[in-house]
Amino acid sequence: MYLHRRGNQFSNQPFKNPTWELFRLWLKDYVDHNRDLKYDVYLAGAFCENIFGTSGKRYDTLDVDIILSGGVTDLKNLKKGLISGFEIGKKYDLLIDISWKNKTLALGKELLGQEKIITYLDVEDIEENGKGRVYTMSGIVTPLDEDLYHFRDYDVSSAVNKFNEREYTVPFKKIA
């Protein structure tokens, strides 16, 4: 049995590698569902580089990294935006890795004081063959609401290393 679980959200259907066509369908549904979203929406990571990068390199990725940005003024609105991102992704078999962040990776910059808000404390993956793993988020965590957690002082070195090794030309792109 396949399982991908992030806190209380889960999928029993394996995710597809993201394509521009599937992403556009997700984005339209996401914007329609979140017409009152009070945050800017950014695409980041390998999928962003695959779509908007100028290096000509293509990266094999299973997820789509989405960052919500802006002052945290309405937790209910933020939570809806975070939860619906993942749930709408399931409709298209896309793994949407969505979070609010106070900073985004930028070319040649280290990130000190990185903060994020997500809807889970741990992630569980079980493949069809029964092999699996569970990993827990690290850092200083403050519960904000049921299924809404603020992280600070967490290790971003692996993300920064991947970003620098791959030499992304487009670190993020505003999409809504």
C-alpha atoms as a PDB file:
ATOM      1  CA  MET A   1       0.000   0.000   0.000  1.00  0.00           C
ATOM      2  CA  TYR A   2       1.316   3.432  -0.943  1.00  0.00           C
ATOM      3  CA  LEU A   3       0.983   6.234   1.603  1.00  0.00           C
ATOM      4  CA  HIS A   4       2.239   9.797   1.782  1.00  0.00           C
ATOM      5  CA  ARG A   5       1.184  11.599   4.953  1.00  0.00           C
ATOM      6  CA  ARG A   6       1.950  15.133   6.129  1.00  0.00           C
ATOM      7  CA  GLY A   7       0.379  15.569   9.534  1.00  0.00           C
ATOM      8  CA  ASN A   8      -3.345  14.976   9.033  1.00  0.00           C
ATOM      9  CA  GLN A   9      -3.220  15.200   5.230  1.00  0.00           C
ATOM     10  CA  PHE A  10      -2.450  12.108   3.203  1.00  0.00           C
ATOM     11  CA  SER A  11      -2.561  10.485  -0.202  1.00  0.00           C
ATOM     12  CA  ASN A  12      -2.872   6.792  -1.036  1.00  0.00           C
ATOM     13  CA  GLN A  13      -2.206   7.505  -4.714  1.00  0.00           C
ATOM     14  CA  PRO A  14       1.410   7.768  -5.929  1.00  0.00           C
ATOM     15  CA  PHE A  15       2.332  11.206  -7.222  1.00  0.00           C
ATOM     16  CA  LYS A  16       3.323  11.911 -10.828  1.00  0.00           C
ATOM     17  CA  ASN A  17       6.331  13.880 -11.895  1.00  0.00           C
ATOM     18  CA  PRO A  18       5.083  17.436 -12.320  1.00  0.00           C
ATOM     19  CA  THR A  19       4.492  18.838 -15.780  1.00  0.00           C
ATOM     20  CA  TRP A  20       3.659  22.360 -16.877  1.00  0.00           C
ATOM     21  CA  GLU A  21       0.178  21.223 -17.963  1.00  0.00           C
ATOM     22  CA  LEU A  22      -0.672  19.586 -14.625  1.00  0.00           C
ATOM     23  CA  PHE A  23       0.768  22.530 -12.729  1.00  0.00           C
ATOM     24  CA  ARG A  24      -1.332  25.024 -14.703  1.00  0.00           C
ATOM     25  CA  LEU A  25      -4.464  23.020 -13.838  1.00  0.00           C
ATOM     26  CA  TRP A  26      -3.459  22.993 -10.160  1.00  0.00           C
ATOM     27  CA  LEU A  27      -2.720  26.736 -10.183  1.00  0.00           C
ATOM     28  CA  LYS A  28      -6.081  27.625 -11.741  1.00  0.00           C
ATOM     29  CA  ASP A  29      -7.948  25.544  -9.150  1.00  0.00           C
ATOM     30  CA  TYR A  30      -5.790  26.905  -6.332  1.00  0.00           C
ATOM     31  CA  VAL A  31      -6.398  30.536  -7.283  1.00  0.00           C
ATOM     32  CA  ASP A  32     -10.135  29.877  -7.772  1.00  0.00           C
ATOM     33  CA  HIS A  33     -10.375  28.180  -4.362  1.00  0.00           C
ATOM     34  CA  ASN A  34      -8.347  30.897  -2.604  1.00  0.00           C
ATOM     35  CA  ARG A  35      -9.755  34.100  -4.107  1.00  0.00           C
ATOM     36  CA  ASP A  36      -9.389  35.810  -0.726  1.00  0.00           C
ATOM     37  CA  LEU A  37      -5.812  34.626  -0.096  1.00  0.00           C
ATOM     38  CA  LYS A  38      -3.861  37.382   1.654  1.00  0.00           C
ATOM     39  CA  TYR A  39      -0.426  36.118   0.633  1.00  0.00           C
ATOM     40  CA  ASP A  40       1.731  36.224  -2.474  1.00  0.00           C
ATOM     41  CA  VAL A  41       2.303  32.822  -4.104  1.00  0.00           C
ATOM     42  CA  TYR A  42       5.725  31.822  -5.422  1.00  0.00           C
ATOM     43  CA  LEU A  43       6.983  28.790  -7.292  1.00  0.00           C
ATOM     44  CA  ALA A  44      10.464  27.663  -6.194  1.00  0.00           C
ATOM     45  CA  GLY A  45      12.846  24.713  -6.379  1.00  0.00           C
ATOM     46  CA  ALA A  46      13.698  22.300  -9.151  1.00  0.00           C
ATOM     47  CA  PHE A  47      10.324  22.516 -10.891  1.00  0.00           C
ATOM     48  CA  CYS A  48      10.606  26.320 -11.016  1.00  0.00           C
ATOM     49  CA  GLU A  49      14.075  26.000 -12.542  1.00  0.00           C
ATOM     50  CA  ASN A  50      12.797  23.421 -15.054  1.00  0.00           C
ATOM     51  CA  ILE A  51      10.038  25.775 -16.202  1.00  0.00           C
ATOM     52  CA  PHE A  52      11.629  29.226 -15.947  1.00  0.00           C
ATOM     53  CA  GLY A  53      15.382  28.591 -15.697  1.00  0.00           C
ATOM     54  CA  THR A  54      17.782  29.749 -18.378  1.00  0.00           C
ATOM     55  CA  SER A  55      20.551  27.176 -17.876  1.00  0.00           C
ATOM     56  CA  GLY A  56      18.927  24.553 -20.084  1.00  0.00           C
ATOM     57  CA  LYS A  57      19.351  21.966 -17.316  1.00  0.00           C
ATOM     58  CA  ARG A  58      16.424  19.748 -16.347  1.00  0.00           C
ATOM     59  CA  TYR A  59      16.073  18.269 -12.878  1.00  0.00           C
ATOM     60  CA  ASP A  60      14.177  15.144 -11.962  1.00  0.00           C
ATOM     61  CA  THR A  61      11.755  16.151  -9.228  1.00  0.00           C
ATOM     62  CA  LEU A  62       8.655  14.669  -7.700  1.00  0.00           C
ATOM     63  CA  ASP A  63       7.379  17.724  -5.870  1.00  0.00           C
ATOM     64  CA  VAL A  64       6.385  21.295  -6.619  1.00  0.00           C
ATOM     65  CA  ASP A  65       7.651  23.800  -4.062  1.00  0.00           C
ATOM     66  CA  ILE A  66       5.194  26.596  -3.324  1.00  0.00           C
ATOM     67  CA  ILE A  67       5.950  29.465  -0.968  1.00  0.00           C
ATOM     68  CA  LEU A  68       3.362  31.796   0.477  1.00  0.00           C
ATOM     69  CA  SER A  69       4.823  35.148   1.479  1.00  0.00           C
ATOM     70  CA  GLY A  70       3.683  38.259   3.285  1.00  0.00           C
ATOM     71  CA  GLY A  71       2.882  39.405   6.773  1.00  0.00           C
ATOM     72  CA  VAL A  72       1.031  36.814   8.830  1.00  0.00           C
ATOM     73  CA  THR A  73      -2.163  38.665   9.612  1.00  0.00           C
ATOM     74  CA  ASP A  74      -4.855  36.006   9.296  1.00  0.00           C
ATOM     75  CA  LEU A  75      -4.077  32.458  10.469  1.00  0.00           C
ATOM     76  CA  LYS A  76      -7.394  31.066   9.203  1.00  0.00           C
ATOM     77  CA  ASN A  77      -6.688  32.418   5.712  1.00  0.00           C
ATOM     78  CA  LEU A  78      -3.109  31.118   5.791  1.00  0.00           C
ATOM     79  CA  LYS A  79      -4.177  27.679   6.987  1.00  0.00           C
ATOM     80  CA  LYS A  80      -6.785  27.437   4.211  1.00  0.00           C
ATOM     81  CA  GLY A  81      -4.133  28.355   1.636  1.00  0.00           C
ATOM     82  CA  LEU A  82      -1.687  25.763   2.958  1.00  0.00           C
ATOM     83  CA  ILE A  83      -4.181  22.915   3.296  1.00  0.00           C
ATOM     84  CA  SER A  84      -5.875  23.521  -0.046  1.00  0.00           C
ATOM     85  CA  GLY A  85      -2.525  23.580  -1.862  1.00  0.00           C
ATOM     86  CA  PHE A  86      -1.799  19.984  -0.903  1.00  0.00           C
ATOM     87  CA  GLU A  87      -5.411  18.816  -1.306  1.00  0.00           C
ATOM     88  CA  ILE A  88      -5.815  20.312  -4.797  1.00  0.00           C
ATOM     89  CA  GLY A  89      -2.476  18.768  -5.727  1.00  0.00           C
ATOM     90  CA  LYS A  90      -3.887  15.317  -4.932  1.00  0.00           C
ATOM     91  CA  LYS A  91      -6.592  15.919  -7.543  1.00  0.00           C
ATOM     92  CA  TYR A  92      -3.839  16.015 -10.196  1.00  0.00           C
ATOM     93  CA  ASP A  93      -1.523  13.483  -8.472  1.00  0.00           C
ATOM     94  CA  LEU A  94       0.936  16.313  -7.798  1.00  0.00           C
ATOM     95  CA  LEU A  95       2.932  16.507  -4.588  1.00  0.00           C
ATOM     96  CA  ILE A  96       2.599  20.154  -3.633  1.00  0.00           C
ATOM     97  CA  ASP A  97       5.112  21.068  -0.925  1.00  0.00           C
ATOM     98  CA  ILE A  98       3.594  24.317   0.315  1.00  0.00           C
ATOM     99  CA  SER A  99       4.635  26.524   3.196  1.00  0.00           C
ATOM    100  CA  TRP A 100       4.681  30.121   4.326  1.00  0.00           C
ATOM    101  CA  LYS A 101       8.221  31.510   4.584  1.00  0.00           C
ATOM    102  CA  ASN A 102       9.601  34.811   5.712  1.00  0.00           C
ATOM    103  CA  LYS A 103      12.451  34.561   3.167  1.00  0.00           C
ATOM    104  CA  THR A 104      13.074  32.756  -0.098  1.00  0.00           C
ATOM    105  CA  LEU A 105      16.382  31.425  -1.373  1.00  0.00           C
ATOM    106  CA  ALA A 106      18.090  34.045  -3.506  1.00  0.00           C
ATOM    107  CA  LEU A 107      21.083  33.738  -5.763  1.00  0.00           C
ATOM    108  CA  GLY A 108      24.305  33.671  -3.736  1.00  0.00           C
ATOM    109  CA  LYS A 109      22.695  34.439  -0.374  1.00  0.00           C
ATOM    110  CA  GLU A 110      22.698  32.462   2.845  1.00  0.00           C
ATOM    111  CA  LEU A 111      19.501  32.511   4.832  1.00  0.00           C
ATOM    112  CA  LEU A 112      19.850  33.431   8.464  1.00  0.00           C
ATOM    113  CA  GLY A 113      16.693  33.721  10.485  1.00  0.00           C
ATOM    114  CA  GLN A 114      14.644  31.526   8.166  1.00  0.00           C
ATOM    115  CA  GLU A 115      11.097  30.942   9.400  1.00  0.00           C
ATOM    116  CA  LYS A 116       8.295  28.843   7.986  1.00  0.00           C
ATOM    117  CA  ILE A 117       4.734  27.908   8.793  1.00  0.00           C
ATOM    118  CA  ILE A 118       3.423  24.480   7.791  1.00  0.00           C
ATOM    119  CA  THR A 119       0.507  22.213   8.653  1.00  0.00           C
ATOM    120  CA  TYR A 120       2.468  19.233   9.954  1.00  0.00           C
ATOM    121  CA  LEU A 121       5.220  18.132  12.307  1.00  0.00           C
ATOM    122  CA  ASP A 122       6.172  14.935  10.515  1.00  0.00           C
ATOM    123  CA  VAL A 123       6.049  13.271   7.109  1.00  0.00           C
ATOM    124  CA  GLU A 124       5.566   9.574   6.422  1.00  0.00           C
ATOM    125  CA  ASP A 125       6.263   7.826   3.113  1.00  0.00           C
ATOM    126  CA  ILE A 126       5.452   4.163   2.490  1.00  0.00           C
ATOM    127  CA  GLU A 127       6.114   2.729  -0.962  1.00  0.00           C
ATOM    128  CA  GLU A 128       4.143  -0.046  -2.656  1.00  0.00           C
ATOM    129  CA  ASN A 129       6.772  -2.603  -1.550  1.00  0.00           C
ATOM    130  CA  GLY A 130       6.202  -1.659   2.100  1.00  0.00           C
ATOM    131  CA  LYS A 131       9.469   0.199   2.554  1.00  0.00           C
ATOM    132  CA  GLY A 132       9.037   3.519   4.200  1.00  0.00           C
ATOM    133  CA  ARG A 133      10.353   6.316   6.313  1.00  0.00           C
ATOM    134  CA  VAL A 134       9.106   8.881   8.749  1.00  0.00           C
ATOM    135  CA  TYR A 135      10.879  12.140   9.306  1.00  0.00           C
ATOM    136  CA  THR A 136      10.180  14.903  11.753  1.00  0.00           C
ATOM    137  CA  MET A 137      10.640  18.607  11.278  1.00  0.00           C
ATOM    138  CA  SER A 138      13.411  20.126  13.387  1.00  0.00           C
ATOM    139  CA  GLY A 139      13.978  23.550  14.882  1.00  0.00           C
ATOM    140  CA  ILE A 140      12.091  25.629  17.382  1.00  0.00           C
ATOM    141  CA  VAL A 141       8.382  25.053  16.846  1.00  0.00           C
ATOM    142  CA  THR A 142       5.460  27.085  18.110  1.00  0.00           C
ATOM    143  CA  PRO A 143       1.928  25.743  17.602  1.00  0.00           C
ATOM    144  CA  LEU A 144      -0.216  28.543  16.172  1.00  0.00           C
ATOM    145  CA  ASP A 145      -3.507  26.724  15.740  1.00  0.00           C
ATOM    146  CA  GLU A 146      -4.676  23.170  15.298  1.00  0.00           C
ATOM    147  CA  ASP A 147      -2.475  21.750  12.497  1.00  0.00           C
ATOM    148  CA  LEU A 148      -0.530  24.997  12.020  1.00  0.00           C
ATOM    149  CA  TYR A 149       3.073  25.270  13.201  1.00  0.00           C
ATOM    150  CA  HIS A 150       5.654  28.051  13.111  1.00  0.00           C
ATOM    151  CA  PHE A 151       9.283  26.898  12.784  1.00  0.00           C
ATOM    152  CA  ARG A 152      12.368  28.992  13.330  1.00  0.00           C
ATOM    153  CA  ASP A 153      16.053  28.257  13.758  1.00  0.00           C
ATOM    154  CA  TYR A 154      15.850  25.173  11.597  1.00  0.00           C
ATOM    155  CA  ASP A 155      18.599  23.809   9.385  1.00  0.00           C
ATOM    156  CA  VAL A 156      18.351  25.024   5.778  1.00  0.00           C
ATOM    157  CA  SER A 157      21.861  23.900   4.781  1.00  0.00           C
ATOM    158  CA  SER A 158      20.722  20.992   2.596  1.00  0.00           C
ATOM    159  CA  ALA A 159      18.367  23.276   0.636  1.00  0.00           C
ATOM    160  CA  VAL A 160      21.078  25.931   0.280  1.00  0.00           C
ATOM    161  CA  ASN A 161      23.631  23.299  -0.824  1.00  0.00           C
ATOM    162  CA  LYS A 162      21.266  21.847  -3.441  1.00  0.00           C
ATOM    163  CA  PHE A 163      20.408  25.325  -4.660  1.00  0.00           C
ATOM    164  CA  ASN A 164      24.090  26.267  -5.031  1.00  0.00           C
ATOM    165  CA  GLU A 165      25.230  22.920  -6.503  1.00  0.00           C
ATOM    166  CA  ARG A 166      22.539  23.048  -9.171  1.00  0.00           C
ATOM    167  CA  GLU A 167      23.238  26.709  -9.897  1.00  0.00           C
ATOM    168  CA  TYR A 168      19.587  27.627 -10.266  1.00  0.00           C
ATOM    169  CA  THR A 169      19.131  30.656 -12.489  1.00  0.00           C
ATOM    170  CA  VAL A 170      15.607  31.377 -11.268  1.00  0.00           C
ATOM    171  CA  PRO A 171      15.378  30.861  -7.500  1.00  0.00           C
ATOM    172  CA  PHE A 172      11.655  31.645  -7.374  1.00  0.00           C
ATOM    173  CA  LYS A 173       8.897  33.088  -9.525  1.00  0.00           C
ATOM    174  CA  LYS A 174       5.773  34.909  -8.377  1.00  0.00           C
ATOM    175  CA  ILE A 175       2.772  33.076  -9.796  1.00  0.00           C
ATOM    176  CA  ALA A 176      -0.202  34.654  -7.962  1.00  0.00           C
END
